[in-house]
Amino acid sequence: MWYDANALVGKHCLLLGLLMVALEFILPRSAVILTLQIVGTIGFAGIMITDWLTANRWVRERSSSR
């Protein structure tokens, strides 16, 4: 379970990072820092919450199949 959950978080963090790099090039220079702080904070919190819920669901599914 540990490896599956970490792989999922890693993929989502990579996608968040790619989004933030894209925003770095798209946004006007005056809005970059604040926007990236907001996107990074909300994105990371969203990743942690949703992936934690997914990992808990996996645990329930694996324990019920035994």
PDB file of N, CA and C in Angstrom:
ATOM      1  N   MET A   1       0.829  -1.191   0.000  1.00  0.00           N
ATOM      2  CA  MET A   1       0.000   0.000   0.000  1.00  0.00           C
ATOM      3  C   MET A   1       0.878   1.261   0.000  1.00  0.00           C
ATOM      4  N   TRP A   2       1.957   1.230   0.773  1.00  0.00           N
ATOM      5  CA  TRP A   2       2.833   2.394   0.908  1.00  0.00           C
ATOM      6  C   TRP A   2       3.359   2.845  -0.453  1.00  0.00           C
ATOM      7  N   TYR A   3       3.838   1.904  -1.252  1.00  0.00           N
ATOM      8  CA  TYR A   3       4.418   2.251  -2.543  1.00  0.00           C
ATOM      9  C   TYR A   3       3.362   2.769  -3.519  1.00  0.00           C
ATOM     10  N   ASP A   4       2.193   2.156  -3.503  1.00  0.00           N
ATOM     11  CA  ASP A   4       1.117   2.614  -4.385  1.00  0.00           C
ATOM     12  C   ASP A   4       0.689   4.043  -4.046  1.00  0.00           C
ATOM     13  N   ALA A   5       0.533   4.318  -2.754  1.00  0.00           N
ATOM     14  CA  ALA A   5       0.113   5.657  -2.324  1.00  0.00           C
ATOM     15  C   ALA A   5       1.187   6.693  -2.652  1.00  0.00           C
ATOM     16  N   ASN A   6       2.452   6.359  -2.438  1.00  0.00           N
ATOM     17  CA  ASN A   6       3.530   7.297  -2.748  1.00  0.00           C
ATOM     18  C   ASN A   6       3.658   7.531  -4.246  1.00  0.00           C
ATOM     19  N   ALA A   7       3.425   6.500  -5.050  1.00  0.00           N
ATOM     20  CA  ALA A   7       3.465   6.674  -6.496  1.00  0.00           C
ATOM     21  C   ALA A   7       2.351   7.612  -6.952  1.00  0.00           C
ATOM     22  N   LEU A   8       1.177   7.471  -6.368  1.00  0.00           N
ATOM     23  CA  LEU A   8       0.052   8.339  -6.719  1.00  0.00           C
ATOM     24  C   LEU A   8       0.348   9.796  -6.351  1.00  0.00           C
ATOM     25  N   VAL A   9       0.849  10.022  -5.153  1.00  0.00           N
ATOM     26  CA  VAL A   9       1.190  11.386  -4.723  1.00  0.00           C
ATOM     27  C   VAL A   9       2.294  11.959  -5.615  1.00  0.00           C
ATOM     28  N   GLY A  10       3.265  11.144  -5.957  1.00  0.00           N
ATOM     29  CA  GLY A  10       4.349  11.598  -6.820  1.00  0.00           C
ATOM     30  C   GLY A  10       3.857  12.044  -8.184  1.00  0.00           C
ATOM     31  N   LYS A  11       2.945  11.279  -8.774  1.00  0.00           N
ATOM     32  CA  LYS A  11       2.386  11.646 -10.079  1.00  0.00           C
ATOM     33  C   LYS A  11       1.609  12.949  -9.983  1.00  0.00           C
ATOM     34  N   HIS A  12       0.827  13.095  -8.934  1.00  0.00           N
ATOM     35  CA  HIS A  12       0.035  14.312  -8.788  1.00  0.00           C
ATOM     36  C   HIS A  12       0.927  15.529  -8.515  1.00  0.00           C
ATOM     37  N   CYS A  13       1.969  15.352  -7.727  1.00  0.00           N
ATOM     38  CA  CYS A  13       2.891  16.468  -7.477  1.00  0.00           C
ATOM     39  C   CYS A  13       3.635  16.859  -8.748  1.00  0.00           C
ATOM     40  N   LEU A  14       3.976  15.881  -9.581  1.00  0.00           N
ATOM     41  CA  LEU A  14       4.612  16.183 -10.862  1.00  0.00           C
ATOM     42  C   LEU A  14       3.675  17.014 -11.738  1.00  0.00           C
ATOM     43  N   LEU A  15       2.409  16.624 -11.798  1.00  0.00           N
ATOM     44  CA  LEU A  15       1.434  17.384 -12.583  1.00  0.00           C
ATOM     45  C   LEU A  15       1.256  18.797 -12.042  1.00  0.00           C
ATOM     46  N   LEU A  16       1.222  18.939 -10.715  1.00  0.00           N
ATOM     47  CA  LEU A  16       1.121  20.268 -10.121  1.00  0.00           C
ATOM     48  C   LEU A  16       2.350  21.104 -10.468  1.00  0.00           C
ATOM     49  N   GLY A  17       3.502  20.504 -10.418  1.00  0.00           N
ATOM     50  CA  GLY A  17       4.728  21.215 -10.779  1.00  0.00           C
ATOM     51  C   GLY A  17       4.730  21.667 -12.230  1.00  0.00           C
ATOM     52  N   LEU A  18       4.268  20.791 -13.121  1.00  0.00           N
ATOM     53  CA  LEU A  18       4.195  21.160 -14.536  1.00  0.00           C
ATOM     54  C   LEU A  18       3.209  22.299 -14.759  1.00  0.00           C
ATOM     55  N   LEU A  19       2.088  22.261 -14.052  1.00  0.00           N
ATOM     56  CA  LEU A  19       1.122  23.356 -14.139  1.00  0.00           C
ATOM     57  C   LEU A  19       1.746  24.662 -13.674  1.00  0.00           C
ATOM     58  N   MET A  20       2.483  24.601 -12.586  1.00  0.00           N
ATOM     59  CA  MET A  20       3.091  25.824 -12.057  1.00  0.00           C
ATOM     60  C   MET A  20       4.168  26.370 -12.998  1.00  0.00           C
ATOM     61  N   VAL A  21       4.920  25.487 -13.636  1.00  0.00           N
ATOM     62  CA  VAL A  21       5.917  25.943 -14.616  1.00  0.00           C
ATOM     63  C   VAL A  21       5.223  26.603 -15.801  1.00  0.00           C
ATOM     64  N   ALA A  22       4.129  26.002 -16.263  1.00  0.00           N
ATOM     65  CA  ALA A  22       3.378  26.599 -17.375  1.00  0.00           C
ATOM     66  C   ALA A  22       2.837  27.974 -16.984  1.00  0.00           C
ATOM     67  N   LEU A  23       2.318  28.083 -15.768  1.00  0.00           N
ATOM     68  CA  LEU A  23       1.802  29.377 -15.313  1.00  0.00           C
ATOM     69  C   LEU A  23       2.900  30.423 -15.229  1.00  0.00           C
ATOM     70  N   GLU A  24       4.106  29.990 -14.908  1.00  0.00           N
ATOM     71  CA  GLU A  24       5.243  30.908 -14.837  1.00  0.00           C
ATOM     72  C   GLU A  24       5.444  31.628 -16.178  1.00  0.00           C
ATOM     73  N   PHE A  25       5.227  30.914 -17.261  1.00  0.00           N
ATOM     74  CA  PHE A  25       5.427  31.504 -18.594  1.00  0.00           C
ATOM     75  C   PHE A  25       4.206  32.249 -19.108  1.00  0.00           C
ATOM     76  N   ILE A  26       3.022  31.875 -18.633  1.00  0.00           N
ATOM     77  CA  ILE A  26       1.783  32.456 -19.156  1.00  0.00           C
ATOM     78  C   ILE A  26       1.395  33.746 -18.435  1.00  0.00           C
ATOM     79  N   LEU A  27       1.561  33.765 -17.122  1.00  0.00           N
ATOM     80  CA  LEU A  27       1.091  34.898 -16.318  1.00  0.00           C
ATOM     81  C   LEU A  27       1.971  36.123 -16.488  1.00  0.00           C
ATOM     82  N   PRO A  28       1.377  37.294 -16.337  1.00  0.00           N
ATOM     83  CA  PRO A  28       2.206  38.516 -16.333  1.00  0.00           C
ATOM     84  C   PRO A  28       3.133  38.521 -15.125  1.00  0.00           C
ATOM     85  N   ARG A  29       4.266  39.105 -15.291  1.00  0.00           N
ATOM     86  CA  ARG A  29       5.313  39.083 -14.251  1.00  0.00           C
ATOM     87  C   ARG A  29       4.809  39.598 -12.900  1.00  0.00           C
ATOM     88  N   SER A  30       3.917  40.551 -12.900  1.00  0.00           N
ATOM     89  CA  SER A  30       3.445  41.141 -11.644  1.00  0.00           C
ATOM     90  C   SER A  30       2.554  40.184 -10.847  1.00  0.00           C
ATOM     91  N   ALA A  31       1.976  39.181 -11.496  1.00  0.00           N
ATOM     92  CA  ALA A  31       1.043  38.282 -10.815  1.00  0.00           C
ATOM     93  C   ALA A  31       1.632  36.903 -10.526  1.00  0.00           C
ATOM     94  N   VAL A  32       2.856  36.659 -10.936  1.00  0.00           N
ATOM     95  CA  VAL A  32       3.415  35.311 -10.854  1.00  0.00           C
ATOM     96  C   VAL A  32       3.560  34.827  -9.421  1.00  0.00           C
ATOM     97  N   ILE A  33       4.196  35.583  -8.569  1.00  0.00           N
ATOM     98  CA  ILE A  33       4.517  35.098  -7.227  1.00  0.00           C
ATOM     99  C   ILE A  33       3.260  34.788  -6.427  1.00  0.00           C
ATOM    100  N   LEU A  34       2.340  35.709  -6.357  1.00  0.00           N
ATOM    101  CA  LEU A  34       1.118  35.483  -5.582  1.00  0.00           C
ATOM    102  C   LEU A  34       0.291  34.330  -6.154  1.00  0.00           C
ATOM    103  N   THR A  35       0.168  34.293  -7.467  1.00  0.00           N
ATOM    104  CA  THR A  35      -0.625  33.235  -8.098  1.00  0.00           C
ATOM    105  C   THR A  35      -0.004  31.872  -7.858  1.00  0.00           C
ATOM    106  N   LEU A  36       1.303  31.752  -8.004  1.00  0.00           N
ATOM    107  CA  LEU A  36       1.965  30.471  -7.789  1.00  0.00           C
ATOM    108  C   LEU A  36       1.892  30.041  -6.325  1.00  0.00           C
ATOM    109  N   GLN A  37       1.940  30.987  -5.406  1.00  0.00           N
ATOM    110  CA  GLN A  37       1.779  30.634  -3.990  1.00  0.00           C
ATOM    111  C   GLN A  37       0.394  30.055  -3.733  1.00  0.00           C
ATOM    112  N   ILE A  38      -0.605  30.679  -4.307  1.00  0.00           N
ATOM    113  CA  ILE A  38      -1.979  30.209  -4.109  1.00  0.00           C
ATOM    114  C   ILE A  38      -2.191  28.854  -4.782  1.00  0.00           C
ATOM    115  N   VAL A  39      -1.777  28.750  -6.039  1.00  0.00           N
ATOM    116  CA  VAL A  39      -1.944  27.486  -6.771  1.00  0.00           C
ATOM    117  C   VAL A  39      -1.173  26.366  -6.078  1.00  0.00           C
ATOM    118  N   GLY A  40       0.043  26.636  -5.642  1.00  0.00           N
ATOM    119  CA  GLY A  40       0.846  25.618  -4.980  1.00  0.00           C
ATOM    120  C   GLY A  40       0.244  25.158  -3.664  1.00  0.00           C
ATOM    121  N   THR A  41      -0.225  26.101  -2.867  1.00  0.00           N
ATOM    122  CA  THR A  41      -0.811  25.761  -1.567  1.00  0.00           C
ATOM    123  C   THR A  41      -2.108  24.981  -1.726  1.00  0.00           C
ATOM    124  N   ILE A  42      -3.002  25.487  -2.553  1.00  0.00           N
ATOM    125  CA  ILE A  42      -4.285  24.803  -2.749  1.00  0.00           C
ATOM    126  C   ILE A  42      -4.070  23.468  -3.454  1.00  0.00           C
ATOM    127  N   GLY A  43      -3.191  23.453  -4.436  1.00  0.00           N
ATOM    128  CA  GLY A  43      -2.916  22.207  -5.151  1.00  0.00           C
ATOM    129  C   GLY A  43      -2.331  21.142  -4.254  1.00  0.00           C
ATOM    130  N   PHE A  44      -1.347  21.512  -3.435  1.00  0.00           N
ATOM    131  CA  PHE A  44      -0.717  20.533  -2.547  1.00  0.00           C
ATOM    132  C   PHE A  44      -1.711  20.032  -1.497  1.00  0.00           C
ATOM    133  N   ALA A  45      -2.499  20.941  -0.937  1.00  0.00           N
ATOM    134  CA  ALA A  45      -3.513  20.518   0.039  1.00  0.00           C
ATOM    135  C   ALA A  45      -4.531  19.585  -0.616  1.00  0.00           C
ATOM    136  N   GLY A  46      -4.942  19.908  -1.828  1.00  0.00           N
ATOM    137  CA  GLY A  46      -5.881  19.052  -2.547  1.00  0.00           C
ATOM    138  C   GLY A  46      -5.304  17.676  -2.827  1.00  0.00           C
ATOM    139  N   ILE A  47      -4.041  17.637  -3.218  1.00  0.00           N
ATOM    140  CA  ILE A  47      -3.380  16.358  -3.463  1.00  0.00           C
ATOM    141  C   ILE A  47      -3.336  15.526  -2.186  1.00  0.00           C
ATOM    142  N   MET A  48      -2.942  16.140  -1.085  1.00  0.00           N
ATOM    143  CA  MET A  48      -2.828  15.388   0.164  1.00  0.00           C
ATOM    144  C   MET A  48      -4.183  14.837   0.611  1.00  0.00           C
ATOM    145  N   ILE A  49      -5.217  15.649   0.516  1.00  0.00           N
ATOM    146  CA  ILE A  49      -6.546  15.211   0.969  1.00  0.00           C
ATOM    147  C   ILE A  49      -7.090  14.112   0.069  1.00  0.00           C
ATOM    148  N   THR A  50      -7.087  14.337  -1.238  1.00  0.00           N
ATOM    149  CA  THR A  50      -7.681  13.346  -2.134  1.00  0.00           C
ATOM    150  C   THR A  50      -6.888  12.048  -2.167  1.00  0.00           C
ATOM    151  N   ASP A  51      -5.563  12.138  -2.138  1.00  0.00           N
ATOM    152  CA  ASP A  51      -4.771  10.914  -2.171  1.00  0.00           C
ATOM    153  C   ASP A  51      -4.830  10.164  -0.845  1.00  0.00           C
ATOM    154  N   TRP A  52      -4.974  10.875   0.253  1.00  0.00           N
ATOM    155  CA  TRP A  52      -5.174  10.220   1.545  1.00  0.00           C
ATOM    156  C   TRP A  52      -6.492   9.451   1.547  1.00  0.00           C
ATOM    157  N   LEU A  53      -7.539  10.080   1.019  1.00  0.00           N
ATOM    158  CA  LEU A  53      -8.837   9.401   0.928  1.00  0.00           C
ATOM    159  C   LEU A  53      -8.753   8.188  -0.002  1.00  0.00           C
ATOM    160  N   THR A  54      -8.033   8.320  -1.098  1.00  0.00           N
ATOM    161  CA  THR A  54      -7.864   7.201  -2.022  1.00  0.00           C
ATOM    162  C   THR A  54      -7.107   6.055  -1.360  1.00  0.00           C
ATOM    163  N   ALA A  55      -6.044   6.361  -0.645  1.00  0.00           N
ATOM    164  CA  ALA A  55      -5.275   5.318   0.039  1.00  0.00           C
ATOM    165  C   ALA A  55      -6.130   4.616   1.089  1.00  0.00           C
ATOM    166  N   ASN A  56      -6.957   5.362   1.810  1.00  0.00           N
ATOM    167  CA  ASN A  56      -7.846   4.736   2.791  1.00  0.00           C
ATOM    168  C   ASN A  56      -8.871   3.835   2.121  1.00  0.00           C
ATOM    169  N   ARG A  57      -9.366   4.247   0.962  1.00  0.00           N
ATOM    170  CA  ARG A  57     -10.314   3.408   0.218  1.00  0.00           C
ATOM    171  C   ARG A  57      -9.627   2.128  -0.230  1.00  0.00           C
ATOM    172  N   TRP A  58      -8.376   2.233  -0.696  1.00  0.00           N
ATOM    173  CA  TRP A  58      -7.629   1.047  -1.101  1.00  0.00           C
ATOM    174  C   TRP A  58      -7.454   0.083   0.063  1.00  0.00           C
ATOM    175  N   VAL A  59      -7.172   0.616   1.243  1.00  0.00           N
ATOM    176  CA  VAL A  59      -7.012  -0.239   2.419  1.00  0.00           C
ATOM    177  C   VAL A  59      -8.306  -0.970   2.719  1.00  0.00           C
ATOM    178  N   ARG A  60      -9.415  -0.258   2.694  1.00  0.00           N
ATOM    179  CA  ARG A  60     -10.727  -0.893   2.950  1.00  0.00           C
ATOM    180  C   ARG A  60     -11.024  -1.966   1.901  1.00  0.00           C
ATOM    181  N   GLU A  61     -10.760  -1.654   0.638  1.00  0.00           N
ATOM    182  CA  GLU A  61     -11.050  -2.623  -0.419  1.00  0.00           C
ATOM    183  C   GLU A  61     -10.178  -3.868  -0.289  1.00  0.00           C
ATOM    184  N   ARG A  62      -8.922  -3.677   0.040  1.00  0.00           N
ATOM    185  CA  ARG A  62      -8.005  -4.832   0.164  1.00  0.00           C
ATOM    186  C   ARG A  62      -8.304  -5.659   1.395  1.00  0.00           C
ATOM    187  N   SER A  63      -8.734  -4.998   2.462  1.00  0.00           N
ATOM    188  CA  SER A  63      -9.052  -5.759   3.678  1.00  0.00           C
ATOM    189  C   SER A  63     -10.379  -6.492   3.553  1.00  0.00           C
ATOM    190  N   SER A  64     -11.309  -5.969   2.770  1.00  0.00           N
ATOM    191  CA  SER A  64     -12.604  -6.619   2.600  1.00  0.00           C
ATOM    192  C   SER A  64     -12.524  -7.779   1.611  1.00  0.00           C
ATOM    193  N   SER A  65     -11.507  -7.786   0.756  1.00  0.00           N
ATOM    194  CA  SER A  65     -11.384  -8.869  -0.221  1.00  0.00           C
ATOM    195  C   SER A  65     -10.705 -10.102   0.354  1.00  0.00           C
ATOM    196  N   ARG A  66     -10.207 -10.031   1.562  1.00  0.00           N
ATOM    197  CA  ARG A  66      -9.532 -11.164   2.195  1.00  0.00           C
ATOM    198  C   ARG A  66     -10.483 -12.085   2.850  1.00  0.00           C
TER     199      ARG A  66
END
